[in-house]
Amino acid sequence: MGFQRDVQRSSGGASDEEIVTVALEAAEVGPGLTWLDIGCGTGDVLRPLAQSRPAGLCGIDIIDWLDAELRPSVRMLVGPAESCLAEAAPADRVLILETMEHLEAPWTVLRVAAKKVAAGGIIVVTTPNITNLKSRAELLLRGTLTSFRHETEAHLGPILPHVTARILREQGLVVQHLRYAGRDVMPKTGGRRVPRWLWRVRPSLFSTSTIVTAQRPS
């Protein structure tokens, strides 16, 4: 448990702004909803949701690093997701953003999280895109995946979107079309991202993350 907390700290508990934007679009933000954010970190996703007049906000993380200004409006559950989910109530929106790859039992967590989606509710799962152009080239030339290099200790294993979709279907949810988000950084450019026009041509090749969305029938 201590090791898992240490490697999680190396991720910083923050999320890419472009990924958050697309994920919240997929979640269909609106007033009066209850939200469950698994792997909430410092609260990058919960912060805008707190302004949407929610009926309730709940965050789960193995480290209690939620920003102070969010604590009055967020029920925070600290510990492994597997055990914290048992305490969480069903929610209209369940988010697992850039978290699955950090978990020792990601598929177990996903199955339990899917059960927490209320009738008519939506679950949004984002994970590193292991099929983008950079990852394909690195796998071919070096035998490694960009998001899962040896030095990226916080990432324990790649997550395949079609497996995510299959498990969500097994839990009675209707899976929507696959989305992509987070423009990748171009090699040897000092951190410059892929131009938006190129990203729009083939988002699957130039995005850092994939987004799987599913809804429970009413």
C-alpha atoms as a PDB file:
ATOM      1  CA  MET A   1       0.000   0.000   0.000  1.00  0.00           C
ATOM      2  CA  GLY A   2       2.809   2.425   0.836  1.00  0.00           C
ATOM      3  CA  PHE A   3       4.522   1.738  -2.493  1.00  0.00           C
ATOM      4  CA  GLN A   4       1.299   2.373  -4.377  1.00  0.00           C
ATOM      5  CA  ARG A   5       0.882   5.741  -2.650  1.00  0.00           C
ATOM      6  CA  ASP A   6       4.488   6.681  -3.451  1.00  0.00           C
ATOM      7  CA  VAL A   7       4.177   5.970  -7.169  1.00  0.00           C
ATOM      8  CA  GLN A   8       0.824   7.756  -7.292  1.00  0.00           C
ATOM      9  CA  ARG A   9       2.435  10.878  -5.853  1.00  0.00           C
ATOM     10  CA  SER A  10       4.792  10.915  -8.830  1.00  0.00           C
ATOM     11  CA  SER A  11       1.778  11.550 -11.095  1.00  0.00           C
ATOM     12  CA  GLY A  12       0.956  14.766  -9.247  1.00  0.00           C
ATOM     13  CA  GLY A  13      -2.773  14.144  -8.950  1.00  0.00           C
ATOM     14  CA  ALA A  14      -3.554  16.416 -11.903  1.00  0.00           C
ATOM     15  CA  SER A  15      -5.240  15.846 -15.263  1.00  0.00           C
ATOM     16  CA  ASP A  16      -4.691  17.208 -18.769  1.00  0.00           C
ATOM     17  CA  GLU A  17      -7.123  20.080 -19.430  1.00  0.00           C
ATOM     18  CA  GLU A  18      -8.049  18.873 -22.925  1.00  0.00           C
ATOM     19  CA  ILE A  19      -8.871  15.391 -21.608  1.00  0.00           C
ATOM     20  CA  VAL A  20     -11.028  16.834 -18.824  1.00  0.00           C
ATOM     21  CA  THR A  21     -12.917  19.036 -21.298  1.00  0.00           C
ATOM     22  CA  VAL A  22     -13.802  16.164 -23.648  1.00  0.00           C
ATOM     23  CA  ALA A  23     -14.628  13.817 -20.762  1.00  0.00           C
ATOM     24  CA  LEU A  24     -17.089  16.303 -19.275  1.00  0.00           C
ATOM     25  CA  GLU A  25     -18.680  16.847 -22.688  1.00  0.00           C
ATOM     26  CA  ALA A  26     -19.172  13.076 -22.900  1.00  0.00           C
ATOM     27  CA  ALA A  27     -20.669  13.062 -19.384  1.00  0.00           C
ATOM     28  CA  GLU A  28     -23.303  15.651 -20.341  1.00  0.00           C
ATOM     29  CA  VAL A  29     -22.926  17.990 -17.386  1.00  0.00           C
ATOM     30  CA  GLY A  30     -26.144  19.478 -16.010  1.00  0.00           C
ATOM     31  CA  PRO A  31     -27.706  20.678 -12.762  1.00  0.00           C
ATOM     32  CA  GLY A  32     -29.113  18.311 -10.153  1.00  0.00           C
ATOM     33  CA  LEU A  33     -26.810  15.370 -10.902  1.00  0.00           C
ATOM     34  CA  THR A  34     -24.863  13.225  -8.475  1.00  0.00           C
ATOM     35  CA  TRP A  35     -21.224  12.577  -9.384  1.00  0.00           C
ATOM     36  CA  LEU A  36     -18.670   9.936  -8.408  1.00  0.00           C
ATOM     37  CA  ASP A  37     -15.065  10.683  -9.432  1.00  0.00           C
ATOM     38  CA  ILE A  38     -12.770   7.670  -8.989  1.00  0.00           C
ATOM     39  CA  GLY A  39      -9.138   8.774  -8.823  1.00  0.00           C
ATOM     40  CA  CYS A  40     -10.125  12.394  -8.237  1.00  0.00           C
ATOM     41  CA  GLY A  41      -6.603  13.597  -7.349  1.00  0.00           C
ATOM     42  CA  THR A  42      -6.477  17.271  -6.404  1.00  0.00           C
ATOM     43  CA  GLY A  43      -9.931  17.920  -7.876  1.00  0.00           C
ATOM     44  CA  ASP A  44      -9.331  19.109 -11.446  1.00  0.00           C
ATOM     45  CA  VAL A  45     -12.618  17.527 -12.533  1.00  0.00           C
ATOM     46  CA  LEU A  46     -14.650  18.162  -9.388  1.00  0.00           C
ATOM     47  CA  ARG A  47     -13.848  21.903  -9.455  1.00  0.00           C
ATOM     48  CA  PRO A  48     -15.944  22.748 -12.548  1.00  0.00           C
ATOM     49  CA  LEU A  49     -18.622  20.283 -11.455  1.00  0.00           C
ATOM     50  CA  ALA A  50     -19.012  22.145  -8.160  1.00  0.00           C
ATOM     51  CA  GLN A  51     -20.208  25.125 -10.232  1.00  0.00           C
ATOM     52  CA  SER A  52     -22.885  23.082 -12.052  1.00  0.00           C
ATOM     53  CA  ARG A  53     -25.338  22.978  -9.115  1.00  0.00           C
ATOM     54  CA  PRO A  54     -24.867  19.239  -8.507  1.00  0.00           C
ATOM     55  CA  ALA A  55     -27.024  17.197  -6.162  1.00  0.00           C
ATOM     56  CA  GLY A  56     -23.874  15.602  -4.745  1.00  0.00           C
ATOM     57  CA  LEU A  57     -20.155  15.173  -5.346  1.00  0.00           C
ATOM     58  CA  CYS A  58     -18.070  12.220  -4.176  1.00  0.00           C
ATOM     59  CA  GLY A  59     -14.368  11.677  -4.798  1.00  0.00           C
ATOM     60  CA  ILE A  60     -12.219   8.578  -4.322  1.00  0.00           C
ATOM     61  CA  ASP A  61      -8.432   8.473  -4.212  1.00  0.00           C
ATOM     62  CA  ILE A  62      -5.725   6.495  -2.467  1.00  0.00           C
ATOM     63  CA  ILE A  63      -4.145   9.800  -1.361  1.00  0.00           C
ATOM     64  CA  ASP A  64      -6.049  12.567   0.428  1.00  0.00           C
ATOM     65  CA  TRP A  65      -4.798  15.458  -1.696  1.00  0.00           C
ATOM     66  CA  LEU A  66      -8.106  17.121  -2.617  1.00  0.00           C
ATOM     67  CA  ASP A  67      -7.723  20.920  -2.720  1.00  0.00           C
ATOM     68  CA  ALA A  68      -8.943  22.672   0.425  1.00  0.00           C
ATOM     69  CA  GLU A  69     -11.566  24.838  -1.282  1.00  0.00           C
ATOM     70  CA  LEU A  70     -13.388  21.733  -2.577  1.00  0.00           C
ATOM     71  CA  ARG A  71     -13.653  19.904   0.728  1.00  0.00           C
ATOM     72  CA  PRO A  72     -16.891  21.568   1.927  1.00  0.00           C
ATOM     73  CA  SER A  73     -18.762  20.412  -1.189  1.00  0.00           C
ATOM     74  CA  VAL A  74     -17.144  16.990  -1.802  1.00  0.00           C
ATOM     75  CA  ARG A  75     -17.522  13.751   0.121  1.00  0.00           C
ATOM     76  CA  MET A  76     -13.975  12.385   0.037  1.00  0.00           C
ATOM     77  CA  LEU A  77     -13.278   8.655   0.414  1.00  0.00           C
ATOM     78  CA  VAL A  78      -9.600   7.808   0.886  1.00  0.00           C
ATOM     79  CA  GLY A  79      -8.157   4.363   0.203  1.00  0.00           C
ATOM     80  CA  PRO A  80      -8.052   1.680  -2.500  1.00  0.00           C
ATOM     81  CA  ALA A  81     -10.857   2.134  -5.011  1.00  0.00           C
ATOM     82  CA  GLU A  82     -12.012  -1.457  -4.501  1.00  0.00           C
ATOM     83  CA  SER A  83     -12.876  -0.822  -0.842  1.00  0.00           C
ATOM     84  CA  CYS A  84     -14.012   2.810  -1.159  1.00  0.00           C
ATOM     85  CA  LEU A  85     -16.554   1.948  -3.833  1.00  0.00           C
ATOM     86  CA  ALA A  86     -18.371  -0.205  -1.297  1.00  0.00           C
ATOM     87  CA  GLU A  87     -19.080   2.987   0.697  1.00  0.00           C
ATOM     88  CA  ALA A  88     -20.055   5.115  -2.299  1.00  0.00           C
ATOM     89  CA  ALA A  89     -23.701   5.601  -3.250  1.00  0.00           C
ATOM     90  CA  PRO A  90     -24.948   5.084  -6.817  1.00  0.00           C
ATOM     91  CA  ALA A  91     -24.483   8.191  -8.956  1.00  0.00           C
ATOM     92  CA  ASP A  92     -25.885   9.742 -12.113  1.00  0.00           C
ATOM     93  CA  ARG A  93     -22.365  10.216 -13.442  1.00  0.00           C
ATOM     94  CA  VAL A  94     -19.342   8.010 -12.709  1.00  0.00           C
ATOM     95  CA  LEU A  95     -15.912   9.178 -13.864  1.00  0.00           C
ATOM     96  CA  ILE A  96     -12.676   7.178 -14.081  1.00  0.00           C
ATOM     97  CA  LEU A  97     -10.297   9.610 -15.751  1.00  0.00           C
ATOM     98  CA  GLU A  98      -6.653   8.621 -16.310  1.00  0.00           C
ATOM     99  CA  THR A  99      -6.923   6.206 -13.374  1.00  0.00           C
ATOM    100  CA  MET A 100      -7.360   2.633 -14.632  1.00  0.00           C
ATOM    101  CA  GLU A 101      -3.704   2.354 -15.652  1.00  0.00           C
ATOM    102  CA  HIS A 102      -2.681   3.133 -12.055  1.00  0.00           C
ATOM    103  CA  LEU A 103      -4.705   0.316 -10.471  1.00  0.00           C
ATOM    104  CA  GLU A 104      -3.533  -3.136  -9.478  1.00  0.00           C
ATOM    105  CA  ALA A 105      -6.981  -4.602 -10.230  1.00  0.00           C
ATOM    106  CA  PRO A 106      -8.414  -2.278 -12.902  1.00  0.00           C
ATOM    107  CA  TRP A 107     -11.051  -4.647 -14.259  1.00  0.00           C
ATOM    108  CA  THR A 108     -12.393  -5.411 -10.801  1.00  0.00           C
ATOM    109  CA  VAL A 109     -12.697  -1.692 -10.106  1.00  0.00           C
ATOM    110  CA  LEU A 110     -14.395  -1.103 -13.452  1.00  0.00           C
ATOM    111  CA  ARG A 111     -17.008  -3.787 -12.799  1.00  0.00           C
ATOM    112  CA  VAL A 112     -17.840  -2.369  -9.367  1.00  0.00           C
ATOM    113  CA  ALA A 113     -17.857   1.191 -10.706  1.00  0.00           C
ATOM    114  CA  ALA A 114     -20.284   0.195 -13.458  1.00  0.00           C
ATOM    115  CA  LYS A 115     -22.683  -1.117 -10.822  1.00  0.00           C
ATOM    116  CA  LYS A 116     -22.665   2.354  -9.249  1.00  0.00           C
ATOM    117  CA  VAL A 117     -24.143   3.969 -12.367  1.00  0.00           C
ATOM    118  CA  ALA A 118     -27.759   4.884 -11.598  1.00  0.00           C
ATOM    119  CA  ALA A 119     -30.598   4.242 -14.055  1.00  0.00           C
ATOM    120  CA  GLY A 120     -30.206   6.610 -16.992  1.00  0.00           C
ATOM    121  CA  GLY A 121     -26.715   7.487 -15.747  1.00  0.00           C
ATOM    122  CA  ILE A 122     -23.416   7.672 -17.624  1.00  0.00           C
ATOM    123  CA  ILE A 123     -19.917   6.367 -16.951  1.00  0.00           C
ATOM    124  CA  VAL A 124     -16.867   7.914 -18.623  1.00  0.00           C
ATOM    125  CA  VAL A 125     -13.513   6.109 -18.659  1.00  0.00           C
ATOM    126  CA  THR A 126     -10.342   7.691 -20.064  1.00  0.00           C
ATOM    127  CA  THR A 127      -7.015   5.877 -20.415  1.00  0.00           C
ATOM    128  CA  PRO A 128      -3.685   6.442 -22.227  1.00  0.00           C
ATOM    129  CA  ASN A 129      -3.958   5.859 -25.970  1.00  0.00           C
ATOM    130  CA  ILE A 130      -1.539   3.015 -26.683  1.00  0.00           C
ATOM    131  CA  THR A 131      -2.353   3.006 -30.412  1.00  0.00           C
ATOM    132  CA  ASN A 132      -1.290   6.563 -31.242  1.00  0.00           C
ATOM    133  CA  LEU A 133       1.526   7.172 -33.716  1.00  0.00           C
ATOM    134  CA  LYS A 134       4.174   7.809 -31.072  1.00  0.00           C
ATOM    135  CA  SER A 135       3.384   4.590 -29.197  1.00  0.00           C
ATOM    136  CA  ARG A 136       3.334   2.549 -32.397  1.00  0.00           C
ATOM    137  CA  ALA A 137       6.729   3.875 -33.455  1.00  0.00           C
ATOM    138  CA  GLU A 138       8.265   3.333 -30.025  1.00  0.00           C
ATOM    139  CA  LEU A 139       6.889  -0.194 -29.802  1.00  0.00           C
ATOM    140  CA  LEU A 140       8.348  -1.002 -33.217  1.00  0.00           C
ATOM    141  CA  LEU A 141      11.760   0.560 -32.597  1.00  0.00           C
ATOM    142  CA  ARG A 142      12.298  -0.023 -28.863  1.00  0.00           C
ATOM    143  CA  GLY A 143       9.755  -2.613 -27.795  1.00  0.00           C
ATOM    144  CA  THR A 144       8.171  -0.243 -25.247  1.00  0.00           C
ATOM    145  CA  LEU A 145       4.960   1.802 -25.040  1.00  0.00           C
ATOM    146  CA  THR A 146       5.367   5.550 -24.582  1.00  0.00           C
ATOM    147  CA  SER A 147       3.016   5.773 -21.581  1.00  0.00           C
ATOM    148  CA  PHE A 148       4.471   2.679 -19.917  1.00  0.00           C
ATOM    149  CA  ARG A 149       8.210   3.154 -19.944  1.00  0.00           C
ATOM    150  CA  HIS A 150      10.270   1.871 -17.040  1.00  0.00           C
ATOM    151  CA  GLU A 151      10.522   5.347 -15.517  1.00  0.00           C
ATOM    152  CA  THR A 152       6.723   5.818 -15.530  1.00  0.00           C
ATOM    153  CA  GLU A 153       6.240   3.913 -12.283  1.00  0.00           C
ATOM    154  CA  ALA A 154       2.736   5.241 -11.599  1.00  0.00           C
ATOM    155  CA  HIS A 155       1.425   3.448 -14.705  1.00  0.00           C
ATOM    156  CA  LEU A 156       1.083  -0.261 -13.947  1.00  0.00           C
ATOM    157  CA  GLY A 157      -0.371  -1.567 -17.187  1.00  0.00           C
ATOM    158  CA  PRO A 158      -2.051  -0.581 -20.465  1.00  0.00           C
ATOM    159  CA  ILE A 159      -5.842  -0.594 -20.756  1.00  0.00           C
ATOM    160  CA  LEU A 160      -7.465  -1.735 -24.001  1.00  0.00           C
ATOM    161  CA  PRO A 161     -10.604   0.267 -24.911  1.00  0.00           C
ATOM    162  CA  HIS A 162     -12.396  -2.730 -26.436  1.00  0.00           C
ATOM    163  CA  VAL A 163     -11.968  -4.651 -23.166  1.00  0.00           C
ATOM    164  CA  THR A 164     -13.303  -1.652 -21.228  1.00  0.00           C
ATOM    165  CA  ALA A 165     -16.306  -1.558 -23.555  1.00  0.00           C
ATOM    166  CA  ARG A 166     -16.913  -5.305 -23.237  1.00  0.00           C
ATOM    167  CA  ILE A 167     -16.935  -5.189 -19.437  1.00  0.00           C
ATOM    168  CA  LEU A 168     -19.319  -2.235 -19.407  1.00  0.00           C
ATOM    169  CA  ARG A 169     -21.676  -4.138 -21.727  1.00  0.00           C
ATOM    170  CA  GLU A 170     -21.485  -7.158 -19.425  1.00  0.00           C
ATOM    171  CA  GLN A 171     -22.705  -4.876 -16.628  1.00  0.00           C
ATOM    172  CA  GLY A 172     -25.798  -3.908 -18.611  1.00  0.00           C
ATOM    173  CA  LEU A 173     -24.618  -0.571 -20.002  1.00  0.00           C
ATOM    174  CA  VAL A 174     -24.923   0.663 -23.588  1.00  0.00           C
ATOM    175  CA  VAL A 175     -21.515   1.712 -24.919  1.00  0.00           C
ATOM    176  CA  GLN A 176     -21.289   4.813 -27.099  1.00  0.00           C
ATOM    177  CA  HIS A 177     -18.747   5.629 -29.816  1.00  0.00           C
ATOM    178  CA  LEU A 178     -15.071   5.877 -28.884  1.00  0.00           C
ATOM    179  CA  ARG A 179     -13.664   9.383 -28.411  1.00  0.00           C
ATOM    180  CA  TYR A 180     -10.099  10.706 -28.332  1.00  0.00           C
ATOM    181  CA  ALA A 181      -8.615  13.641 -26.423  1.00  0.00           C
ATOM    182  CA  GLY A 182      -5.350  15.300 -25.490  1.00  0.00           C
ATOM    183  CA  ARG A 183      -3.165  16.317 -28.427  1.00  0.00           C
ATOM    184  CA  ASP A 184       0.173  14.509 -28.265  1.00  0.00           C
ATOM    185  CA  VAL A 185       3.534  16.271 -27.994  1.00  0.00           C
ATOM    186  CA  MET A 186       5.695  16.201 -31.120  1.00  0.00           C
ATOM    187  CA  PRO A 187       9.201  14.736 -30.606  1.00  0.00           C
ATOM    188  CA  LYS A 188      12.142  17.146 -30.427  1.00  0.00           C
ATOM    189  CA  THR A 189       9.986  20.291 -30.531  1.00  0.00           C
ATOM    190  CA  GLY A 190      10.436  21.494 -26.963  1.00  0.00           C
ATOM    191  CA  GLY A 191       6.995  20.335 -25.897  1.00  0.00           C
ATOM    192  CA  ARG A 192       4.913  21.624 -28.810  1.00  0.00           C
ATOM    193  CA  ARG A 193       1.675  19.735 -29.371  1.00  0.00           C
ATOM    194  CA  VAL A 194       0.358  18.331 -32.622  1.00  0.00           C
ATOM    195  CA  PRO A 195      -1.497  21.082 -34.554  1.00  0.00           C
ATOM    196  CA  ARG A 196      -5.255  20.989 -34.110  1.00  0.00           C
ATOM    197  CA  TRP A 197      -5.873  20.614 -37.857  1.00  0.00           C
ATOM    198  CA  LEU A 198      -3.725  17.480 -37.988  1.00  0.00           C
ATOM    199  CA  TRP A 199      -5.329  16.113 -34.828  1.00  0.00           C
ATOM    200  CA  ARG A 200      -8.784  16.528 -36.383  1.00  0.00           C
ATOM    201  CA  VAL A 201      -7.723  14.496 -39.449  1.00  0.00           C
ATOM    202  CA  ARG A 202      -6.773  11.393 -37.417  1.00  0.00           C
ATOM    203  CA  PRO A 203      -7.401  11.860 -33.687  1.00  0.00           C
ATOM    204  CA  SER A 204      -6.686   8.166 -33.073  1.00  0.00           C
ATOM    205  CA  LEU A 205      -3.079   8.695 -34.182  1.00  0.00           C
ATOM    206  CA  PHE A 206      -2.367  11.967 -32.398  1.00  0.00           C
ATOM    207  CA  SER A 207      -4.290  11.788 -29.091  1.00  0.00           C
ATOM    208  CA  THR A 208      -2.828  10.917 -25.722  1.00  0.00           C
ATOM    209  CA  SER A 209      -6.048   9.369 -24.392  1.00  0.00           C
ATOM    210  CA  THR A 210      -9.047   7.294 -25.410  1.00  0.00           C
ATOM    211  CA  ILE A 211     -12.492   7.915 -23.912  1.00  0.00           C
ATOM    212  CA  VAL A 212     -15.073   5.161 -23.487  1.00  0.00           C
ATOM    213  CA  THR A 213     -18.581   6.279 -22.532  1.00  0.00           C
ATOM    214  CA  ALA A 214     -21.533   4.100 -21.614  1.00  0.00           C
ATOM    215  CA  GLN A 215     -25.060   4.667 -20.309  1.00  0.00           C
ATOM    216  CA  ARG A 216     -27.365   2.565 -18.172  1.00  0.00           C
ATOM    217  CA  PRO A 217     -30.861   2.338 -19.647  1.00  0.00           C
ATOM    218  CA  SER A 218     -33.541   4.182 -17.694  1.00  0.00           C
END
